[in-house]
Amino acid sequence: MRTTLRLLLKIHRFEVVAVVLACILLAGADLFLANQLDAAALPAACVFVPGSGPQPPVAGSAQDLDCQARNDALDALQGKTTEALGFGAALPILAGILLGVAVVGRELETGTASLAWTLGRSRTRWFVTRCLALAAILGIALALPALAANVLEGARQPQVDPGSSFADSGVRGSVFVLRGVMSFGVGVVAGALIGRQLPALIVALALAVIVLVGFEAGVSNWKMALAVWRPDSSSTSGAGSLLFNQAYRDRATTALVDENSVNQLAPQVNGGADSDWINAHYELVDLILPGDQYHLVDTGESAALGAVALLFLGAGLIVVNRRSPG
């Protein structure tokens, strides 16, 4: 096994080095930004809550100018954080495809598959060994930015526990890693079917995007099925909650009514709906998925991605066992 791993690293050193280096750079950037955000956190003197706490400084005063400068610096860092997390959304897909296509595609393109499959006792063992080794390298490499992104999310919203928040949930944690493993499976199938790396990369990228779009649509429907209606005031207290919809609930019948219907039913005052009448008869409610459901959803989504990855790897094994090495 050690000899096989050393040979694999030698054969796929470009892909492995590229993936590991990209993951280390992204993880380092995330941790650097997290440290910058912690250092740029606004002091209590610059945080003003209407109706409570200290009053805002006089416009143009030294304190006011200092708070404005701190806010501008924090906004700039938040923009860089968004860019870093956005790149993180693409990294697992690209890394998984790059490694996956090379597993079989390179062997077929260079003609070494013919020798390996002829001398080897089992194509299945040949295939499984390579897939397990490279998938393990991919998973370990992607775990670095996945963990770093959790740290960055905590610095981005220090008042919210990243483990109980749906904010940026697709670009951190186990889902981030399993998206890469799923894309790896797509790349393996494309490389085994096409046998040439460049066309296989293009096909695998298109297929991975299609699969992920469909997968995320299914996950969104599942999340909505888990969502509950809660009073607007209670949902805003949970910053990590996922908001789907907003409506008015009749206080007498508990029926849900949309905003336009409520405005039409309400008496008109000064050219607009009477807000006091609306508040007396209706309650503003939100359809939310509470942040405390994050672990449930994250675990379920990760398990589903793992299952899809296994399906693609199984398809790749079938192709390898049936196709000609030429």
C-alpha atoms as a PDB file:
ATOM      1  CA  MET A   1       0.000   0.000   0.000  1.00  0.00           C
ATOM      2  CA  ARG A   2       2.828   2.391   0.841  1.00  0.00           C
ATOM      3  CA  THR A   3       4.482   1.657  -2.509  1.00  0.00           C
ATOM      4  CA  THR A   4       1.179   2.229  -4.325  1.00  0.00           C
ATOM      5  CA  LEU A   5       0.646   5.540  -2.543  1.00  0.00           C
ATOM      6  CA  ARG A   6       4.157   6.694  -3.372  1.00  0.00           C
ATOM      7  CA  LEU A   7       3.635   5.754  -7.016  1.00  0.00           C
ATOM      8  CA  LEU A   8       0.283   7.573  -7.115  1.00  0.00           C
ATOM      9  CA  LEU A   9       1.811  10.714  -5.660  1.00  0.00           C
ATOM     10  CA  LYS A  10       4.520  10.584  -8.288  1.00  0.00           C
ATOM     11  CA  ILE A  11       2.083  10.041 -11.161  1.00  0.00           C
ATOM     12  CA  HIS A  12      -0.398  12.664  -9.973  1.00  0.00           C
ATOM     13  CA  ARG A  13       2.019  15.059  -8.335  1.00  0.00           C
ATOM     14  CA  PHE A  14       0.829  18.058 -10.391  1.00  0.00           C
ATOM     15  CA  GLU A  15      -2.837  17.578  -9.454  1.00  0.00           C
ATOM     16  CA  VAL A  16      -2.048  16.772  -5.811  1.00  0.00           C
ATOM     17  CA  VAL A  17       0.310  19.723  -5.370  1.00  0.00           C
ATOM     18  CA  ALA A  18      -2.122  22.106  -7.090  1.00  0.00           C
ATOM     19  CA  VAL A  19      -5.054  21.015  -4.914  1.00  0.00           C
ATOM     20  CA  VAL A  20      -3.118  20.993  -1.632  1.00  0.00           C
ATOM     21  CA  LEU A  21      -1.496  24.355  -2.367  1.00  0.00           C
ATOM     22  CA  ALA A  22      -4.837  25.964  -3.287  1.00  0.00           C
ATOM     23  CA  CYS A  23      -6.405  24.640  -0.080  1.00  0.00           C
ATOM     24  CA  ILE A  24      -3.536  25.868   2.082  1.00  0.00           C
ATOM     25  CA  LEU A  25      -3.646  29.320   0.465  1.00  0.00           C
ATOM     26  CA  LEU A  26      -7.411  29.619   0.927  1.00  0.00           C
ATOM     27  CA  ALA A  27      -7.211  28.440   4.538  1.00  0.00           C
ATOM     28  CA  GLY A  28      -4.409  30.917   5.209  1.00  0.00           C
ATOM     29  CA  ALA A  29      -6.394  33.749   3.610  1.00  0.00           C
ATOM     30  CA  ASP A  30      -9.474  32.880   5.692  1.00  0.00           C
ATOM     31  CA  LEU A  31      -7.501  32.822   8.936  1.00  0.00           C
ATOM     32  CA  PHE A  32      -5.737  36.075   8.039  1.00  0.00           C
ATOM     33  CA  LEU A  33      -9.072  37.786   7.340  1.00  0.00           C
ATOM     34  CA  ALA A  34     -10.529  36.379  10.563  1.00  0.00           C
ATOM     35  CA  ASN A  35      -7.631  37.889  12.514  1.00  0.00           C
ATOM     36  CA  GLN A  36      -8.104  41.216  10.710  1.00  0.00           C
ATOM     37  CA  LEU A  37     -11.826  41.231  11.489  1.00  0.00           C
ATOM     38  CA  ASP A  38     -11.143  40.537  15.162  1.00  0.00           C
ATOM     39  CA  ALA A  39      -8.675  43.427  15.269  1.00  0.00           C
ATOM     40  CA  ALA A  40     -11.078  45.766  13.452  1.00  0.00           C
ATOM     41  CA  ALA A  41     -14.076  45.044  15.710  1.00  0.00           C
ATOM     42  CA  LEU A  42     -15.887  48.243  16.642  1.00  0.00           C
ATOM     43  CA  PRO A  43     -15.381  49.426  20.228  1.00  0.00           C
ATOM     44  CA  ALA A  44     -18.424  49.928  22.449  1.00  0.00           C
ATOM     45  CA  ALA A  45     -18.160  53.702  21.972  1.00  0.00           C
ATOM     46  CA  CYS A  46     -18.934  53.279  18.257  1.00  0.00           C
ATOM     47  CA  VAL A  47     -21.907  50.918  18.671  1.00  0.00           C
ATOM     48  CA  PHE A  48     -25.170  52.813  19.054  1.00  0.00           C
ATOM     49  CA  VAL A  49     -28.572  51.267  19.684  1.00  0.00           C
ATOM     50  CA  PRO A  50     -31.505  53.702  19.377  1.00  0.00           C
ATOM     51  CA  GLY A  51     -33.247  54.181  22.706  1.00  0.00           C
ATOM     52  CA  SER A  52     -30.485  52.633  24.827  1.00  0.00           C
ATOM     53  CA  GLY A  53     -26.801  52.902  25.565  1.00  0.00           C
ATOM     54  CA  PRO A  54     -24.542  55.867  24.776  1.00  0.00           C
ATOM     55  CA  GLN A  55     -25.689  58.545  22.387  1.00  0.00           C
ATOM     56  CA  PRO A  56     -24.015  59.025  18.989  1.00  0.00           C
ATOM     57  CA  PRO A  57     -21.141  61.524  19.000  1.00  0.00           C
ATOM     58  CA  VAL A  58     -21.574  65.010  17.591  1.00  0.00           C
ATOM     59  CA  ALA A  59     -21.241  65.013  13.803  1.00  0.00           C
ATOM     60  CA  GLY A  60     -17.747  66.049  12.771  1.00  0.00           C
ATOM     61  CA  SER A  61     -16.229  65.491  16.204  1.00  0.00           C
ATOM     62  CA  ALA A  62     -13.006  63.520  16.656  1.00  0.00           C
ATOM     63  CA  GLN A  63     -14.947  60.532  18.012  1.00  0.00           C
ATOM     64  CA  ASP A  64     -17.381  60.655  15.099  1.00  0.00           C
ATOM     65  CA  LEU A  65     -14.560  60.726  12.543  1.00  0.00           C
ATOM     66  CA  ASP A  66     -12.789  57.873  14.302  1.00  0.00           C
ATOM     67  CA  CYS A  67     -15.950  55.741  14.300  1.00  0.00           C
ATOM     68  CA  GLN A  68     -16.536  56.462  10.613  1.00  0.00           C
ATOM     69  CA  ALA A  69     -12.974  55.402   9.776  1.00  0.00           C
ATOM     70  CA  ARG A  70     -13.399  52.190  11.773  1.00  0.00           C
ATOM     71  CA  ASN A  71     -16.696  51.451  10.030  1.00  0.00           C
ATOM     72  CA  ASP A  72     -15.140  52.014   6.596  1.00  0.00           C
ATOM     73  CA  ALA A  73     -12.233  49.699   7.413  1.00  0.00           C
ATOM     74  CA  LEU A  74     -14.650  47.037   8.697  1.00  0.00           C
ATOM     75  CA  ASP A  75     -16.803  47.312   5.552  1.00  0.00           C
ATOM     76  CA  ALA A  76     -13.718  46.851   3.366  1.00  0.00           C
ATOM     77  CA  LEU A  77     -12.754  43.721   5.296  1.00  0.00           C
ATOM     78  CA  GLN A  78     -16.295  42.366   5.009  1.00  0.00           C
ATOM     79  CA  GLY A  79     -16.044  42.791   1.230  1.00  0.00           C
ATOM     80  CA  LYS A  80     -12.787  40.813   1.141  1.00  0.00           C
ATOM     81  CA  THR A  81     -14.398  38.160   3.324  1.00  0.00           C
ATOM     82  CA  THR A  82     -17.241  37.791   0.823  1.00  0.00           C
ATOM     83  CA  GLU A  83     -14.708  37.364  -1.988  1.00  0.00           C
ATOM     84  CA  ALA A  84     -12.767  34.707  -0.054  1.00  0.00           C
ATOM     85  CA  LEU A  85     -15.917  32.742   0.754  1.00  0.00           C
ATOM     86  CA  GLY A  86     -17.053  33.087  -2.866  1.00  0.00           C
ATOM     87  CA  PHE A  87     -13.819  31.531  -4.124  1.00  0.00           C
ATOM     88  CA  GLY A  88     -14.332  28.800  -1.558  1.00  0.00           C
ATOM     89  CA  ALA A  89     -17.611  27.883  -3.254  1.00  0.00           C
ATOM     90  CA  ALA A  90     -15.753  26.947  -6.454  1.00  0.00           C
ATOM     91  CA  LEU A  91     -12.640  25.328  -4.967  1.00  0.00           C
ATOM     92  CA  PRO A  92     -14.056  21.919  -3.952  1.00  0.00           C
ATOM     93  CA  ILE A  93     -15.687  21.445  -7.368  1.00  0.00           C
ATOM     94  CA  LEU A  94     -12.538  22.320  -9.308  1.00  0.00           C
ATOM     95  CA  ALA A  95     -10.255  20.343  -6.988  1.00  0.00           C
ATOM     96  CA  GLY A  96     -12.476  17.254  -7.060  1.00  0.00           C
ATOM     97  CA  ILE A  97     -12.765  17.256 -10.851  1.00  0.00           C
ATOM     98  CA  LEU A  98      -9.040  17.846 -11.376  1.00  0.00           C
ATOM     99  CA  LEU A  99      -8.109  14.839  -9.237  1.00  0.00           C
ATOM    100  CA  GLY A 100     -11.033  12.657 -10.320  1.00  0.00           C
ATOM    101  CA  VAL A 101     -10.468  12.907 -14.047  1.00  0.00           C
ATOM    102  CA  ALA A 102      -6.815  11.926 -13.645  1.00  0.00           C
ATOM    103  CA  VAL A 103      -7.590   8.668 -11.790  1.00  0.00           C
ATOM    104  CA  VAL A 104      -8.567   6.761 -14.946  1.00  0.00           C
ATOM    105  CA  GLY A 105      -8.431   9.373 -17.696  1.00  0.00           C
ATOM    106  CA  ARG A 106      -4.670   9.849 -17.494  1.00  0.00           C
ATOM    107  CA  GLU A 107      -4.027   6.102 -17.541  1.00  0.00           C
ATOM    108  CA  LEU A 108      -6.160   5.730 -20.676  1.00  0.00           C
ATOM    109  CA  GLU A 109      -4.710   8.796 -22.403  1.00  0.00           C
ATOM    110  CA  THR A 110      -1.077   7.764 -21.823  1.00  0.00           C
ATOM    111  CA  GLY A 111      -1.764   4.100 -22.604  1.00  0.00           C
ATOM    112  CA  THR A 112      -0.544   2.815 -19.238  1.00  0.00           C
ATOM    113  CA  ALA A 113      -3.992   1.397 -18.427  1.00  0.00           C
ATOM    114  CA  SER A 114      -3.385  -1.423 -20.893  1.00  0.00           C
ATOM    115  CA  LEU A 115      -0.303  -2.599 -18.993  1.00  0.00           C
ATOM    116  CA  ALA A 116      -1.817  -2.099 -15.541  1.00  0.00           C
ATOM    117  CA  TRP A 117      -5.055  -3.906 -16.391  1.00  0.00           C
ATOM    118  CA  THR A 118      -3.225  -6.744 -18.131  1.00  0.00           C
ATOM    119  CA  LEU A 119      -0.711  -7.429 -15.363  1.00  0.00           C
ATOM    120  CA  GLY A 120      -3.065  -6.707 -12.472  1.00  0.00           C
ATOM    121  CA  ARG A 121      -5.199  -9.479 -11.049  1.00  0.00           C
ATOM    122  CA  SER A 122      -8.223  -7.254 -10.505  1.00  0.00           C
ATOM    123  CA  ARG A 123      -9.329  -4.024 -12.128  1.00  0.00           C
ATOM    124  CA  THR A 124     -11.612  -3.485  -9.158  1.00  0.00           C
ATOM    125  CA  ARG A 125      -8.716  -3.524  -6.718  1.00  0.00           C
ATOM    126  CA  TRP A 126      -6.703  -1.231  -9.006  1.00  0.00           C
ATOM    127  CA  PHE A 127      -9.605   1.212  -9.218  1.00  0.00           C
ATOM    128  CA  VAL A 128     -10.592   1.173  -5.531  1.00  0.00           C
ATOM    129  CA  THR A 129      -7.010   1.610  -4.320  1.00  0.00           C
ATOM    130  CA  ARG A 130      -6.474   4.698  -6.451  1.00  0.00           C
ATOM    131  CA  CYS A 131      -9.844   6.228  -5.680  1.00  0.00           C
ATOM    132  CA  LEU A 132      -9.493   5.748  -1.933  1.00  0.00           C
ATOM    133  CA  ALA A 133      -5.977   7.190  -1.830  1.00  0.00           C
ATOM    134  CA  LEU A 134      -6.728  10.280  -3.920  1.00  0.00           C
ATOM    135  CA  ALA A 135     -10.143  10.855  -2.296  1.00  0.00           C
ATOM    136  CA  ALA A 136      -8.483  10.745   1.130  1.00  0.00           C
ATOM    137  CA  ILE A 137      -5.878  13.303   0.032  1.00  0.00           C
ATOM    138  CA  LEU A 138      -8.655  15.491  -1.377  1.00  0.00           C
ATOM    139  CA  GLY A 139     -10.752  15.250   1.786  1.00  0.00           C
ATOM    140  CA  ILE A 140      -7.846  16.087   4.095  1.00  0.00           C
ATOM    141  CA  ALA A 141      -6.798  19.027   1.906  1.00  0.00           C
ATOM    142  CA  LEU A 142     -10.352  20.440   1.716  1.00  0.00           C
ATOM    143  CA  ALA A 143     -10.787  20.069   5.474  1.00  0.00           C
ATOM    144  CA  LEU A 144      -8.237  22.856   5.986  1.00  0.00           C
ATOM    145  CA  PRO A 145     -10.246  25.665   4.312  1.00  0.00           C
ATOM    146  CA  ALA A 146     -13.503  24.122   5.584  1.00  0.00           C
ATOM    147  CA  LEU A 147     -12.362  24.586   9.192  1.00  0.00           C
ATOM    148  CA  ALA A 148     -10.768  27.964   8.468  1.00  0.00           C
ATOM    149  CA  ALA A 149     -14.036  29.195   6.917  1.00  0.00           C
ATOM    150  CA  ASN A 150     -15.822  28.350  10.177  1.00  0.00           C
ATOM    151  CA  VAL A 151     -13.324  30.526  12.029  1.00  0.00           C
ATOM    152  CA  LEU A 152     -13.837  33.305   9.469  1.00  0.00           C
ATOM    153  CA  GLU A 153     -17.616  33.087   9.799  1.00  0.00           C
ATOM    154  CA  GLY A 154     -17.279  33.407  13.571  1.00  0.00           C
ATOM    155  CA  ALA A 155     -15.179  36.560  13.148  1.00  0.00           C
ATOM    156  CA  ARG A 156     -17.577  37.921  10.525  1.00  0.00           C
ATOM    157  CA  GLN A 157     -20.559  37.616  12.873  1.00  0.00           C
ATOM    158  CA  PRO A 158     -19.082  37.372  16.377  1.00  0.00           C
ATOM    159  CA  GLN A 159     -22.518  37.519  17.990  1.00  0.00           C
ATOM    160  CA  VAL A 160     -23.604  34.284  16.245  1.00  0.00           C
ATOM    161  CA  ASP A 161     -22.265  30.758  16.821  1.00  0.00           C
ATOM    162  CA  PRO A 162     -21.177  29.372  13.404  1.00  0.00           C
ATOM    163  CA  GLY A 163     -22.344  25.946  14.577  1.00  0.00           C
ATOM    164  CA  SER A 164     -25.898  27.283  14.906  1.00  0.00           C
ATOM    165  CA  SER A 165     -26.073  29.465  11.830  1.00  0.00           C
ATOM    166  CA  PHE A 166     -27.028  28.869   8.210  1.00  0.00           C
ATOM    167  CA  ALA A 167     -25.000  31.871   7.047  1.00  0.00           C
ATOM    168  CA  ASP A 168     -22.541  30.772   4.330  1.00  0.00           C
ATOM    169  CA  SER A 169     -23.346  27.161   5.219  1.00  0.00           C
ATOM    170  CA  GLY A 170     -22.412  25.843   1.771  1.00  0.00           C
ATOM    171  CA  VAL A 171     -18.830  27.105   1.826  1.00  0.00           C
ATOM    172  CA  ARG A 172     -17.677  25.737   5.181  1.00  0.00           C
ATOM    173  CA  GLY A 173     -17.819  22.623   7.277  1.00  0.00           C
ATOM    174  CA  SER A 174     -18.472  19.072   6.113  1.00  0.00           C
ATOM    175  CA  VAL A 175     -20.685  20.105   3.173  1.00  0.00           C
ATOM    176  CA  PHE A 176     -17.698  21.941   1.685  1.00  0.00           C
ATOM    177  CA  VAL A 177     -15.576  18.782   1.852  1.00  0.00           C
ATOM    178  CA  LEU A 178     -18.284  16.428   0.554  1.00  0.00           C
ATOM    179  CA  ARG A 179     -18.983  18.672  -2.435  1.00  0.00           C
ATOM    180  CA  GLY A 180     -15.386  18.096  -3.419  1.00  0.00           C
ATOM    181  CA  VAL A 181     -15.685  14.332  -2.957  1.00  0.00           C
ATOM    182  CA  MET A 182     -18.881  14.283  -5.023  1.00  0.00           C
ATOM    183  CA  SER A 183     -17.146  16.251  -7.801  1.00  0.00           C
ATOM    184  CA  PHE A 184     -14.269  13.778  -7.566  1.00  0.00           C
ATOM    185  CA  GLY A 185     -16.719  10.968  -8.361  1.00  0.00           C
ATOM    186  CA  VAL A 186     -18.058  12.917 -11.342  1.00  0.00           C
ATOM    187  CA  GLY A 187     -14.505  13.415 -12.608  1.00  0.00           C
ATOM    188  CA  VAL A 188     -13.711   9.710 -12.268  1.00  0.00           C
ATOM    189  CA  VAL A 189     -16.714   8.735 -14.396  1.00  0.00           C
ATOM    190  CA  ALA A 190     -15.967  11.373 -17.048  1.00  0.00           C
ATOM    191  CA  GLY A 191     -12.312  10.334 -17.265  1.00  0.00           C
ATOM    192  CA  ALA A 192     -13.188   6.639 -17.521  1.00  0.00           C
ATOM    193  CA  LEU A 193     -15.793   7.209 -20.248  1.00  0.00           C
ATOM    194  CA  ILE A 194     -13.919   9.715 -22.411  1.00  0.00           C
ATOM    195  CA  GLY A 195     -10.329   8.594 -21.848  1.00  0.00           C
ATOM    196  CA  ARG A 196      -8.803  12.005 -22.573  1.00  0.00           C
ATOM    197  CA  GLN A 197      -8.242  14.487 -19.781  1.00  0.00           C
ATOM    198  CA  LEU A 198      -9.089  17.860 -21.335  1.00  0.00           C
ATOM    199  CA  PRO A 199     -12.466  16.850 -22.827  1.00  0.00           C
ATOM    200  CA  ALA A 200     -13.204  14.917 -19.644  1.00  0.00           C
ATOM    201  CA  LEU A 201     -12.494  18.005 -17.524  1.00  0.00           C
ATOM    202  CA  ILE A 202     -14.973  20.060 -19.542  1.00  0.00           C
ATOM    203  CA  VAL A 203     -17.661  17.390 -19.437  1.00  0.00           C
ATOM    204  CA  ALA A 204     -17.102  16.746 -15.731  1.00  0.00           C
ATOM    205  CA  LEU A 205     -17.358  20.453 -14.879  1.00  0.00           C
ATOM    206  CA  ALA A 206     -20.659  20.797 -16.736  1.00  0.00           C
ATOM    207  CA  LEU A 207     -22.028  17.601 -15.203  1.00  0.00           C
ATOM    208  CA  ALA A 208     -20.938  18.557 -11.674  1.00  0.00           C
ATOM    209  CA  VAL A 209     -22.656  21.936 -11.960  1.00  0.00           C
ATOM    210  CA  ILE A 210     -25.880  20.300 -13.192  1.00  0.00           C
ATOM    211  CA  VAL A 211     -25.815  17.721 -10.400  1.00  0.00           C
ATOM    212  CA  LEU A 212     -25.126  20.340  -7.713  1.00  0.00           C
ATOM    213  CA  VAL A 213     -27.871  22.664  -8.973  1.00  0.00           C
ATOM    214  CA  GLY A 214     -30.385  19.818  -8.864  1.00  0.00           C
ATOM    215  CA  PHE A 215     -29.062  18.645  -5.518  1.00  0.00           C
ATOM    216  CA  GLU A 216     -29.320  22.113  -3.963  1.00  0.00           C
ATOM    217  CA  ALA A 217     -32.888  22.457  -5.251  1.00  0.00           C
ATOM    218  CA  GLY A 218     -33.779  19.272  -3.403  1.00  0.00           C
ATOM    219  CA  VAL A 219     -31.989  20.443  -0.247  1.00  0.00           C
ATOM    220  CA  SER A 220     -33.826  23.781  -0.404  1.00  0.00           C
ATOM    221  CA  ASN A 221     -37.169  21.979  -0.564  1.00  0.00           C
ATOM    222  CA  TRP A 222     -36.140  19.857   2.427  1.00  0.00           C
ATOM    223  CA  LYS A 223     -35.125  22.935   4.393  1.00  0.00           C
ATOM    224  CA  MET A 224     -38.439  24.607   3.619  1.00  0.00           C
ATOM    225  CA  ALA A 225     -40.284  21.486   4.797  1.00  0.00           C
ATOM    226  CA  LEU A 226     -38.465  21.808   8.141  1.00  0.00           C
ATOM    227  CA  ALA A 227     -39.215  25.540   8.453  1.00  0.00           C
ATOM    228  CA  VAL A 228     -41.747  26.884  10.934  1.00  0.00           C
ATOM    229  CA  TRP A 229     -43.825  30.058  11.199  1.00  0.00           C
ATOM    230  CA  ARG A 230     -42.722  32.288  14.060  1.00  0.00           C
ATOM    231  CA  PRO A 231     -43.491  35.863  15.132  1.00  0.00           C
ATOM    232  CA  ASP A 232     -41.235  38.307  13.356  1.00  0.00           C
ATOM    233  CA  SER A 233     -39.785  39.653  16.611  1.00  0.00           C
ATOM    234  CA  SER A 234     -38.618  36.188  17.723  1.00  0.00           C
ATOM    235  CA  SER A 235     -37.056  35.225  14.396  1.00  0.00           C
ATOM    236  CA  THR A 236     -34.943  38.347  14.207  1.00  0.00           C
ATOM    237  CA  SER A 237     -33.351  37.439  17.537  1.00  0.00           C
ATOM    238  CA  GLY A 238     -31.847  34.334  15.919  1.00  0.00           C
ATOM    239  CA  ALA A 239     -29.405  35.790  13.417  1.00  0.00           C
ATOM    240  CA  GLY A 240     -28.402  32.343  12.216  1.00  0.00           C
ATOM    241  CA  SER A 241     -31.914  31.419  11.088  1.00  0.00           C
ATOM    242  CA  LEU A 242     -32.789  30.903   7.431  1.00  0.00           C
ATOM    243  CA  LEU A 243     -35.697  33.097   6.263  1.00  0.00           C
ATOM    244  CA  PHE A 244     -37.992  31.742   3.518  1.00  0.00           C
ATOM    245  CA  ASN A 245     -41.120  33.866   3.571  1.00  0.00           C
ATOM    246  CA  GLN A 246     -43.041  36.509   5.474  1.00  0.00           C
ATOM    247  CA  ALA A 247     -46.775  36.958   5.948  1.00  0.00           C
ATOM    248  CA  TYR A 248     -49.471  38.198   8.312  1.00  0.00           C
ATOM    249  CA  ARG A 249     -51.342  35.841  10.618  1.00  0.00           C
ATOM    250  CA  ASP A 250     -54.949  36.630  11.566  1.00  0.00           C
ATOM    251  CA  ARG A 251     -55.047  36.903  15.350  1.00  0.00           C
ATOM    252  CA  ALA A 252     -58.581  35.506  15.463  1.00  0.00           C
ATOM    253  CA  THR A 253     -58.411  32.630  12.968  1.00  0.00           C
ATOM    254  CA  THR A 254     -54.599  32.105  12.735  1.00  0.00           C
ATOM    255  CA  ALA A 255     -54.997  32.099   8.930  1.00  0.00           C
ATOM    256  CA  LEU A 256     -52.022  33.381   6.927  1.00  0.00           C
ATOM    257  CA  VAL A 257     -52.630  36.413   4.730  1.00  0.00           C
ATOM    258  CA  ASP A 258     -50.203  38.139   2.358  1.00  0.00           C
ATOM    259  CA  GLU A 259     -49.260  41.792   2.816  1.00  0.00           C
ATOM    260  CA  ASN A 260     -51.226  43.094  -0.187  1.00  0.00           C
ATOM    261  CA  SER A 261     -54.454  41.499   1.064  1.00  0.00           C
ATOM    262  CA  VAL A 262     -53.966  42.961   4.553  1.00  0.00           C
ATOM    263  CA  ASN A 263     -53.348  46.441   3.124  1.00  0.00           C
ATOM    264  CA  GLN A 264     -56.553  46.192   1.068  1.00  0.00           C
ATOM    265  CA  LEU A 265     -58.585  45.085   4.096  1.00  0.00           C
ATOM    266  CA  ALA A 266     -57.216  47.767   6.408  1.00  0.00           C
ATOM    267  CA  PRO A 267     -58.921  51.180   6.719  1.00  0.00           C
ATOM    268  CA  GLN A 268     -57.091  53.895   4.805  1.00  0.00           C
ATOM    269  CA  VAL A 269     -55.547  56.723   6.780  1.00  0.00           C
ATOM    270  CA  ASN A 270     -53.711  59.622   5.121  1.00  0.00           C
ATOM    271  CA  GLY A 271     -53.530  57.728   1.861  1.00  0.00           C
ATOM    272  CA  GLY A 272     -52.189  54.520   3.387  1.00  0.00           C
ATOM    273  CA  ALA A 273     -53.222  51.470   5.385  1.00  0.00           C
ATOM    274  CA  ASP A 274     -53.905  52.049   9.086  1.00  0.00           C
ATOM    275  CA  SER A 275     -50.926  50.348  10.801  1.00  0.00           C
ATOM    276  CA  ASP A 276     -52.640  50.395  14.209  1.00  0.00           C
ATOM    277  CA  TRP A 277     -55.627  48.507  12.791  1.00  0.00           C
ATOM    278  CA  ILE A 278     -53.289  45.988  11.124  1.00  0.00           C
ATOM    279  CA  ASN A 279     -51.352  45.393  14.356  1.00  0.00           C
ATOM    280  CA  ALA A 280     -54.585  44.916  16.262  1.00  0.00           C
ATOM    281  CA  HIS A 281     -55.940  42.271  13.883  1.00  0.00           C
ATOM    282  CA  TYR A 282     -52.825  40.665  12.399  1.00  0.00           C
ATOM    283  CA  GLU A 283     -49.405  39.492  13.531  1.00  0.00           C
ATOM    284  CA  LEU A 284     -46.340  39.671  11.282  1.00  0.00           C
ATOM    285  CA  VAL A 285     -44.763  36.197  11.073  1.00  0.00           C
ATOM    286  CA  ASP A 286     -41.736  34.701   9.304  1.00  0.00           C
ATOM    287  CA  LEU A 287     -41.265  31.254   7.810  1.00  0.00           C
ATOM    288  CA  ILE A 288     -37.816  30.350   9.143  1.00  0.00           C
ATOM    289  CA  LEU A 289     -35.509  27.418   9.687  1.00  0.00           C
ATOM    290  CA  PRO A 290     -34.036  28.093  13.147  1.00  0.00           C
ATOM    291  CA  GLY A 291     -30.280  28.068  13.521  1.00  0.00           C
ATOM    292  CA  ASP A 292     -30.473  25.258  16.068  1.00  0.00           C
ATOM    293  CA  GLN A 293     -31.415  22.966  13.158  1.00  0.00           C
ATOM    294  CA  TYR A 294     -28.095  23.622  11.412  1.00  0.00           C
ATOM    295  CA  HIS A 295     -26.382  20.414  12.578  1.00  0.00           C
ATOM    296  CA  LEU A 296     -29.335  18.294  11.450  1.00  0.00           C
ATOM    297  CA  VAL A 297     -29.388  19.843   7.991  1.00  0.00           C
ATOM    298  CA  ASP A 298     -25.589  19.851   7.661  1.00  0.00           C
ATOM    299  CA  THR A 299     -25.388  16.156   8.582  1.00  0.00           C
ATOM    300  CA  GLY A 300     -28.209  15.204   6.229  1.00  0.00           C
ATOM    301  CA  GLU A 301     -26.796  17.200   3.324  1.00  0.00           C
ATOM    302  CA  SER A 302     -23.311  15.774   3.877  1.00  0.00           C
ATOM    303  CA  ALA A 303     -24.665  12.216   3.981  1.00  0.00           C
ATOM    304  CA  ALA A 304     -26.616  12.795   0.759  1.00  0.00           C
ATOM    305  CA  LEU A 305     -23.524  14.200  -0.987  1.00  0.00           C
ATOM    306  CA  GLY A 306     -21.532  11.186   0.174  1.00  0.00           C
ATOM    307  CA  ALA A 307     -24.189   8.853  -1.233  1.00  0.00           C
ATOM    308  CA  VAL A 308     -24.131  10.646  -4.597  1.00  0.00           C
ATOM    309  CA  ALA A 309     -20.323  10.407  -4.622  1.00  0.00           C
ATOM    310  CA  LEU A 310     -20.509   6.647  -4.028  1.00  0.00           C
ATOM    311  CA  LEU A 311     -23.011   6.283  -6.868  1.00  0.00           C
ATOM    312  CA  PHE A 312     -20.650   8.020  -9.281  1.00  0.00           C
ATOM    313  CA  LEU A 313     -17.671   6.015  -8.080  1.00  0.00           C
ATOM    314  CA  GLY A 314     -19.704   2.837  -8.514  1.00  0.00           C
ATOM    315  CA  ALA A 315     -20.536   3.910 -12.054  1.00  0.00           C
ATOM    316  CA  GLY A 316     -16.844   4.561 -12.656  1.00  0.00           C
ATOM    317  CA  LEU A 317     -15.994   1.053 -11.454  1.00  0.00           C
ATOM    318  CA  ILE A 318     -18.536  -0.446 -13.870  1.00  0.00           C
ATOM    319  CA  VAL A 319     -17.027   1.520 -16.754  1.00  0.00           C
ATOM    320  CA  VAL A 320     -13.481   0.461 -15.837  1.00  0.00           C
ATOM    321  CA  ASN A 321     -14.440  -3.219 -15.648  1.00  0.00           C
ATOM    322  CA  ARG A 322     -16.228  -3.173 -19.004  1.00  0.00           C
ATOM    323  CA  ARG A 323     -14.217  -0.893 -21.255  1.00  0.00           C
ATOM    324  CA  SER A 324     -11.208  -1.667 -23.387  1.00  0.00           C
ATOM    325  CA  PRO A 325      -7.929  -0.117 -22.209  1.00  0.00           C
ATOM    326  CA  GLY A 326      -7.226   1.119 -25.702  1.00  0.00           C
END
